[in-house]
Structure formats: C-alpha cells, structure tokens
Amino acid sequence: MTDDVRVRRLGADEAAASVPALADVLVDCVEGGASVSFMLPLPRDKAEAFWRGVAEGVSREERALLVAEDHDGGILGTVQLILAQPDNQPHRADVAKLLVHRRARRRGVAQRLMAAVDAVARAEGKTVLVLDTVTGGDAERLYQRAGWEAVGTVPKYALMPDGAFCGTTFFYKHLD
C-alpha cells in the first residue's frame, strides 16, 4: 500500500527547491475541490508564492514541512506543523495543509503524513496539536481514526474552491 512511499521532513533549502512540486500538489487539490484557503481558479504563481512563504517559515524554524514521496522522489503529499506559537503556548503546534495529490489518494499517504507529524511534534517538545477541516469530509474521518478529538463545528466558516459555504470542524490531540 504505502511501502513505496517515503515520508520525511524537509530542511529550508529542500523546501525552497520543492516549491514547484508542492505547487503541483496544491493546485491539484484545489482543482479537486479541497477547501484549503484557495479559490478556483488557482493560478500557479499564487500557489508557488504560498510555498515560497512556507519555505521561508521553515528557514526561520517557525514551521516543519513534511512530504510524502514516491520511489522516484516525486512529492505525493505534504503536511505542515506550525511551531511558532505565542509565549503562553510553547507546548502547542498547529497542523496545517494536509494535502495529497488525487493520483495518490486511498493509499494511506495521509495517514503516514499524520503519523510523521506526531513524531515531529514530539521531537519539537509539542504535546498539544490542533487543526481544522471541512465538516463531513474524508479528512475528518481520517483524524478521528488517528485519535484526534473533535471540539466543535462552525457552520459556514469557509468557502469551497467553487464559492459554496462549508462548515469547519476543529480538532485537538494530546501527545503526552
């Protein structure tokens, strides 16, 4: 299933070099209907600008960027751990932008990325993780299976890429 997939954390230089491949994944996900902060149509330059900003956050050690790669090193998916938090929350991190290219779905890639994000969070001394996702979507079920606790839903919190409203469910996970 995922034996041919490698999940790893990228350093700052690798993150910057991976901008085009990460943009491919983001554009594919948005075109596939994922509500991940972007609207249709998503211009490639906007997707690349987003990933350049992420790479800059990695270089400042504000974010951890993980990727799932195929046997040729092609990026199939990604997730981020936002490490920079307010002074009174040094134990917390936000999980953001779990993205899996449509050609790699239903192969356990997202599950592997989420397990890796837990390991990185532990290594960074984080014990409370939070995230949000589209209510009723596939990711919601993935998080529940991975031990995340839903804390509430906000109707009409965001928009789908086509402009339709969607609810958002907030989750947390304790790693201690």
Protein backbone atom coordinates (compact mmCIF):
# COMPACT_ATOMS: atom_id res chain seq x y z
CA MET A 1 0.00 0.00 0.00
CA THR A 2 2.44 2.70 1.16
CA ASP A 3 5.62 0.61 1.12
CA ASP A 4 6.84 2.62 -1.86
CA VAL A 5 6.16 5.95 -0.10
CA ARG A 6 8.76 7.74 2.00
CA VAL A 7 7.72 10.47 4.44
CA ARG A 8 10.34 12.93 5.60
CA ARG A 9 10.87 16.43 6.94
CA LEU A 10 12.40 18.94 4.57
CA GLY A 11 15.09 21.40 5.55
CA ALA A 12 15.00 25.02 4.40
CA ASP A 13 16.98 24.51 1.17
CA GLU A 14 14.97 21.42 0.23
CA ALA A 15 11.71 23.26 0.95
CA ALA A 16 12.74 26.11 -1.35
CA ALA A 17 13.80 23.68 -4.08
CA SER A 18 10.48 21.81 -3.77
CA VAL A 19 8.25 24.84 -4.41
CA PRO A 20 7.25 23.76 -7.96
CA ALA A 21 6.36 20.20 -6.90
CA LEU A 22 4.47 21.42 -3.84
CA ALA A 23 2.58 23.89 -6.04
CA ASP A 24 1.57 20.96 -8.27
CA VAL A 25 0.02 19.19 -5.26
CA LEU A 26 -1.76 22.32 -4.05
CA VAL A 27 -3.22 23.16 -7.46
CA ASP A 28 -4.37 19.56 -7.91
CA CYS A 29 -6.08 19.53 -4.51
CA VAL A 30 -7.86 22.84 -5.08
CA GLU A 31 -8.94 21.73 -8.56
CA GLY A 32 -10.24 18.56 -6.91
CA GLY A 33 -12.44 20.60 -4.57
CA ALA A 34 -10.35 20.82 -1.40
CA SER A 35 -11.12 23.79 0.84
CA VAL A 36 -7.56 24.71 1.81
CA SER A 37 -7.67 28.53 1.76
CA PHE A 38 -7.62 28.96 -2.03
CA MET A 39 -10.31 29.57 -4.62
CA LEU A 40 -10.72 28.44 -8.22
CA PRO A 41 -9.05 29.10 -10.47
CA LEU A 42 -5.77 28.89 -8.54
CA PRO A 43 -3.03 30.49 -10.65
CA ARG A 44 0.27 28.63 -10.48
CA ASP A 45 2.17 31.78 -9.49
CA LYS A 46 -0.12 32.19 -6.46
CA ALA A 47 0.45 28.56 -5.45
CA GLU A 48 4.21 28.96 -5.81
CA ALA A 49 4.16 32.22 -3.81
CA PHE A 50 2.36 30.38 -1.00
CA TRP A 51 5.01 27.65 -0.93
CA ARG A 52 7.86 30.18 -1.04
CA GLY A 53 6.35 31.70 2.11
CA VAL A 54 6.20 28.27 3.72
CA ALA A 55 9.85 27.65 2.80
CA GLU A 56 10.76 30.96 4.43
CA GLY A 57 8.91 29.84 7.57
CA VAL A 58 10.90 26.60 7.53
CA SER A 59 14.15 28.59 7.28
CA ARG A 60 13.09 30.66 10.31
CA GLU A 61 12.24 27.42 12.18
CA GLU A 62 8.63 28.56 12.53
CA ARG A 63 7.30 25.57 10.58
CA ALA A 64 8.11 21.96 9.92
CA LEU A 65 7.33 20.82 6.39
CA LEU A 66 6.83 17.13 5.75
CA VAL A 67 6.42 15.45 2.39
CA ALA A 68 5.42 12.01 1.18
CA GLU A 69 7.47 10.96 -1.83
CA ASP A 70 7.23 8.12 -4.31
CA HIS A 71 10.20 5.86 -5.11
CA ASP A 72 11.48 8.46 -7.62
CA GLY A 73 11.35 11.33 -5.12
CA GLY A 74 8.17 12.83 -6.59
CA ILE A 75 6.02 14.59 -4.00
CA LEU A 76 2.67 12.87 -3.46
CA GLY A 77 1.54 14.79 -0.41
CA THR A 78 2.51 17.18 2.33
CA VAL A 79 1.59 18.49 5.77
CA GLN A 80 2.92 21.28 7.94
CA LEU A 81 3.42 21.74 11.65
CA ILE A 82 3.30 25.38 12.70
CA LEU A 83 5.76 25.54 15.56
CA ALA A 84 5.81 29.30 16.24
CA GLN A 85 3.19 29.97 18.91
CA PRO A 86 2.51 32.69 21.50
CA ASP A 87 4.68 32.79 24.61
CA ASN A 88 1.98 31.18 26.74
CA GLN A 89 1.61 28.21 24.37
CA PRO A 90 5.11 26.79 23.88
CA HIS A 91 3.71 23.26 24.20
CA ARG A 92 1.25 23.64 21.27
CA ALA A 93 1.51 23.42 17.48
CA ASP A 94 -0.99 23.73 14.63
CA VAL A 95 -1.25 21.12 11.90
CA ALA A 96 -1.92 22.72 8.53
CA LYS A 97 -2.39 21.94 4.86
CA LEU A 98 -2.58 18.17 4.78
CA LEU A 99 -2.60 17.71 1.00
CA VAL A 100 -2.44 14.52 -1.04
CA HIS A 101 -2.38 14.59 -4.82
CA ARG A 102 -5.51 12.92 -6.24
CA ARG A 103 -3.37 10.27 -8.01
CA ALA A 104 -2.01 9.13 -4.63
CA ARG A 105 -5.22 9.01 -2.59
CA ARG A 106 -6.64 5.93 -0.87
CA ARG A 107 -3.13 4.52 -0.41
CA GLY A 108 -2.51 5.54 3.21
CA VAL A 109 -0.40 8.57 2.33
CA ALA A 110 -2.37 10.97 4.55
CA GLN A 111 -2.26 8.51 7.44
CA ARG A 112 1.53 8.23 7.09
CA LEU A 113 1.90 12.02 6.97
CA MET A 114 -0.18 12.43 10.12
CA ALA A 115 1.83 9.79 11.99
CA ALA A 116 5.01 11.59 10.96
CA VAL A 117 3.65 14.95 12.09
CA ASP A 118 3.01 13.44 15.54
CA ALA A 119 6.63 12.25 15.67
CA VAL A 120 7.99 15.65 14.63
CA ALA A 121 5.76 17.38 17.18
CA ARG A 122 7.09 15.13 19.94
CA ALA A 123 10.67 15.77 18.83
CA GLU A 124 9.95 19.52 18.98
CA GLY A 125 8.53 19.22 22.52
CA LYS A 126 4.93 19.84 21.46
CA THR A 127 2.24 18.00 23.41
CA VAL A 128 -0.98 19.63 22.16
CA LEU A 129 -1.85 19.75 18.48
CA VAL A 130 -4.82 21.49 16.88
CA LEU A 131 -6.25 21.56 13.38
CA ASP A 132 -9.41 22.30 11.46
CA THR A 133 -11.01 20.63 8.47
CA VAL A 134 -14.13 20.65 6.31
CA THR A 135 -17.03 19.18 8.24
CA GLY A 136 -18.07 15.78 6.88
CA GLY A 137 -15.08 15.38 4.55
CA ASP A 138 -12.72 12.44 4.22
CA ALA A 139 -10.07 14.19 6.33
CA GLU A 140 -12.47 14.44 9.26
CA ARG A 141 -12.79 10.65 9.35
CA LEU A 142 -9.01 10.25 8.98
CA TYR A 143 -8.37 12.46 12.01
CA GLN A 144 -10.93 10.64 14.12
CA ARG A 145 -9.31 7.28 13.27
CA ALA A 146 -5.92 8.75 14.22
CA GLY A 147 -7.09 9.64 17.72
CA TRP A 148 -7.99 13.30 17.26
CA GLU A 149 -10.90 14.70 19.28
CA ALA A 150 -13.48 16.96 17.66
CA VAL A 151 -14.28 20.01 19.78
CA GLY A 152 -16.85 21.75 17.66
CA THR A 153 -18.12 22.84 14.29
CA VAL A 154 -18.64 26.31 12.88
CA PRO A 155 -21.21 26.37 10.04
CA LYS A 156 -20.31 28.50 7.01
CA TYR A 157 -16.79 29.06 8.36
CA ALA A 158 -15.09 28.97 4.97
CA LEU A 159 -15.72 28.57 1.28
CA MET A 160 -15.12 25.64 -1.01
CA PRO A 161 -12.98 26.47 -4.07
CA ASP A 162 -16.17 26.94 -6.11
CA GLY A 163 -17.56 29.54 -3.68
CA ALA A 164 -20.03 27.36 -1.77
CA PHE A 165 -20.04 27.67 2.02
CA CYS A 166 -18.66 24.84 4.13
CA GLY A 167 -18.64 24.14 7.82
CA THR A 168 -15.37 23.60 9.65
CA THR A 169 -14.71 21.16 12.47
CA PHE A 170 -11.93 21.86 14.97
CA PHE A 171 -9.86 19.03 16.45
CA TYR A 172 -7.17 18.59 19.07
CA LYS A 173 -4.81 15.80 20.06
CA HIS A 174 -2.72 15.38 23.22
CA LEU A 175 0.60 13.66 22.65
CA ASP A 176 1.62 13.10 26.28
